[in-house]
Amino acid sequence: MNIKILCPESADCSDYYETIKRIKEVAVERNITISFEVVEDMEAIRLYSVVGTPAILIDGKIAHLGGVPARKKVEAWFAQSLR
C-alpha cells in the first residue's frame, strides 16, 4: 500500500504527525506493509487539485482531506486494501 501525505512546507500541518502515527499504528496491528511519501512542494501538491491539507492519497486516490482521520476510517482503508 502506497500512502502519500500532502502538506506544504509553509502550512501549519500540525495534524500531519498525528495522521502518520495513526496510519502506522493500524498498519502494524494488521501486519500490512506500507510505504510513505511526503509531498511538501506546493507546485507538486497543486497537481493533485486538493483543497485541504494534510491530504492523504492511498494508491494514487484521494482518501482524506484536512485534519486527522478517525481511526475507524483508517481501519476501513486497510480493510478495503485487503479485498
C-alpha atoms as a PDB file:
ATOM      1  CA  MET A   1       0.000   0.000   0.000  1.00  0.00           C
ATOM      2  CA  ASN A   2       1.455   3.340  -1.074  1.00  0.00           C
ATOM      3  CA  ILE A   3       0.471   6.331   1.013  1.00  0.00           C
ATOM      4  CA  LYS A   4       1.241   9.929   0.082  1.00  0.00           C
ATOM      5  CA  ILE A   5       0.719  12.719   2.540  1.00  0.00           C
ATOM      6  CA  LEU A   6       0.484  16.158   1.006  1.00  0.00           C
ATOM      7  CA  CYS A   7       1.332  19.046   3.312  1.00  0.00           C
ATOM      8  CA  PRO A   8       3.092  22.176   2.064  1.00  0.00           C
ATOM      9  CA  GLU A   9       6.218  23.238   3.923  1.00  0.00           C
ATOM     10  CA  SER A  10       4.735  26.669   4.534  1.00  0.00           C
ATOM     11  CA  ALA A  11       1.486  25.368   6.063  1.00  0.00           C
ATOM     12  CA  ASP A  12       0.776  24.554   9.679  1.00  0.00           C
ATOM     13  CA  CYS A  13       0.137  20.844   9.292  1.00  0.00           C
ATOM     14  CA  SER A  14       0.100  20.071  12.986  1.00  0.00           C
ATOM     15  CA  ASP A  15      -2.279  17.202  12.201  1.00  0.00           C
ATOM     16  CA  TYR A  16       0.354  15.699   9.944  1.00  0.00           C
ATOM     17  CA  TYR A  17       2.306  13.912  12.706  1.00  0.00           C
ATOM     18  CA  GLU A  18      -0.799  12.511  14.383  1.00  0.00           C
ATOM     19  CA  THR A  19      -2.046  11.302  10.991  1.00  0.00           C
ATOM     20  CA  ILE A  20       1.189   9.437  10.279  1.00  0.00           C
ATOM     21  CA  LYS A  21       1.173   7.926  13.760  1.00  0.00           C
ATOM     22  CA  ARG A  22      -2.411   6.703  13.391  1.00  0.00           C
ATOM     23  CA  ILE A  23      -1.783   5.154   9.963  1.00  0.00           C
ATOM     24  CA  LYS A  24       1.369   3.388  11.156  1.00  0.00           C
ATOM     25  CA  GLU A  25      -0.371   2.017  14.269  1.00  0.00           C
ATOM     26  CA  VAL A  26      -3.183   0.462  12.262  1.00  0.00           C
ATOM     27  CA  ALA A  27      -0.761  -0.932   9.662  1.00  0.00           C
ATOM     28  CA  VAL A  28       1.340  -2.613  12.364  1.00  0.00           C
ATOM     29  CA  GLU A  29      -1.743  -4.052  14.080  1.00  0.00           C
ATOM     30  CA  ARG A  30      -2.937  -5.533  10.794  1.00  0.00           C
ATOM     31  CA  ASN A  31       0.553  -6.592   9.664  1.00  0.00           C
ATOM     32  CA  ILE A  32       0.281  -4.568   6.454  1.00  0.00           C
ATOM     33  CA  THR A  33       3.330  -3.221   4.694  1.00  0.00           C
ATOM     34  CA  ILE A  34       3.008   0.417   3.730  1.00  0.00           C
ATOM     35  CA  SER A  35       5.270   2.930   2.067  1.00  0.00           C
ATOM     36  CA  PHE A  36       5.086   6.616   2.882  1.00  0.00           C
ATOM     37  CA  GLU A  37       5.904   9.537   0.678  1.00  0.00           C
ATOM     38  CA  VAL A  38       5.604  13.072   1.979  1.00  0.00           C
ATOM     39  CA  VAL A  39       4.995  15.774  -0.616  1.00  0.00           C
ATOM     40  CA  GLU A  40       5.785  19.273   0.659  1.00  0.00           C
ATOM     41  CA  ASP A  41       6.369  21.130  -2.602  1.00  0.00           C
ATOM     42  CA  MET A  42       3.381  23.369  -3.311  1.00  0.00           C
ATOM     43  CA  GLU A  43       3.677  23.007  -7.087  1.00  0.00           C
ATOM     44  CA  ALA A  44       3.597  19.227  -6.792  1.00  0.00           C
ATOM     45  CA  ILE A  45       0.616  19.410  -4.395  1.00  0.00           C
ATOM     46  CA  ARG A  46      -1.310  21.594  -6.859  1.00  0.00           C
ATOM     47  CA  LEU A  47      -1.103  18.787  -9.407  1.00  0.00           C
ATOM     48  CA  TYR A  48      -3.422  16.759  -7.169  1.00  0.00           C
ATOM     49  CA  SER A  49      -6.057  19.542  -7.002  1.00  0.00           C
ATOM     50  CA  VAL A  50      -6.634  19.068  -3.278  1.00  0.00           C
ATOM     51  CA  VAL A  51      -8.457  21.728  -1.269  1.00  0.00           C
ATOM     52  CA  GLY A  52      -7.276  20.825   2.231  1.00  0.00           C
ATOM     53  CA  THR A  53      -4.128  19.627   3.930  1.00  0.00           C
ATOM     54  CA  PRO A  54      -2.899  17.351   5.106  1.00  0.00           C
ATOM     55  CA  ALA A  55      -4.276  15.369   2.214  1.00  0.00           C
ATOM     56  CA  ILE A  56      -3.861  11.604   2.118  1.00  0.00           C
ATOM     57  CA  LEU A  57      -3.631   9.616  -1.082  1.00  0.00           C
ATOM     58  CA  ILE A  58      -3.771   5.845  -0.980  1.00  0.00           C
ATOM     59  CA  ASP A  59      -2.512   4.068  -4.050  1.00  0.00           C
ATOM     60  CA  GLY A  60      -2.951   7.292  -6.014  1.00  0.00           C
ATOM     61  CA  LYS A  61      -6.518   8.078  -4.895  1.00  0.00           C
ATOM     62  CA  ILE A  62      -7.524  10.868  -2.538  1.00  0.00           C
ATOM     63  CA  ALA A  63      -8.711   9.238   0.690  1.00  0.00           C
ATOM     64  CA  HIS A  64      -8.839  12.153   3.122  1.00  0.00           C
ATOM     65  CA  LEU A  65      -8.582  15.943   3.194  1.00  0.00           C
ATOM     66  CA  GLY A  66      -7.723  18.078   6.210  1.00  0.00           C
ATOM     67  CA  GLY A  67      -7.459  17.115   9.847  1.00  0.00           C
ATOM     68  CA  VAL A  68      -6.666  13.782  11.425  1.00  0.00           C
ATOM     69  CA  PRO A  69      -8.745  10.911  10.036  1.00  0.00           C
ATOM     70  CA  ALA A  70     -10.746   8.922  12.568  1.00  0.00           C
ATOM     71  CA  ARG A  71      -9.218   5.589  13.498  1.00  0.00           C
ATOM     72  CA  LYS A  72     -12.229   3.733  12.059  1.00  0.00           C
ATOM     73  CA  LYS A  73     -11.661   5.489   8.730  1.00  0.00           C
ATOM     74  CA  VAL A  74      -8.011   4.394   8.666  1.00  0.00           C
ATOM     75  CA  GLU A  75      -9.055   0.837   9.556  1.00  0.00           C
ATOM     76  CA  ALA A  76     -11.530   0.910   6.661  1.00  0.00           C
ATOM     77  CA  TRP A  77      -8.750   1.895   4.230  1.00  0.00           C
ATOM     78  CA  PHE A  78      -6.732  -1.138   5.262  1.00  0.00           C
ATOM     79  CA  ALA A  79      -9.749  -3.454   5.204  1.00  0.00           C
ATOM     80  CA  GLN A  80     -10.527  -2.299   1.679  1.00  0.00           C
ATOM     81  CA  SER A  81      -6.948  -2.855   0.537  1.00  0.00           C
ATOM     82  CA  LEU A  82      -7.116  -6.488   1.663  1.00  0.00           C
ATOM     83  CA  ARG A  83     -10.051  -7.275  -0.611  1.00  0.00           C
END
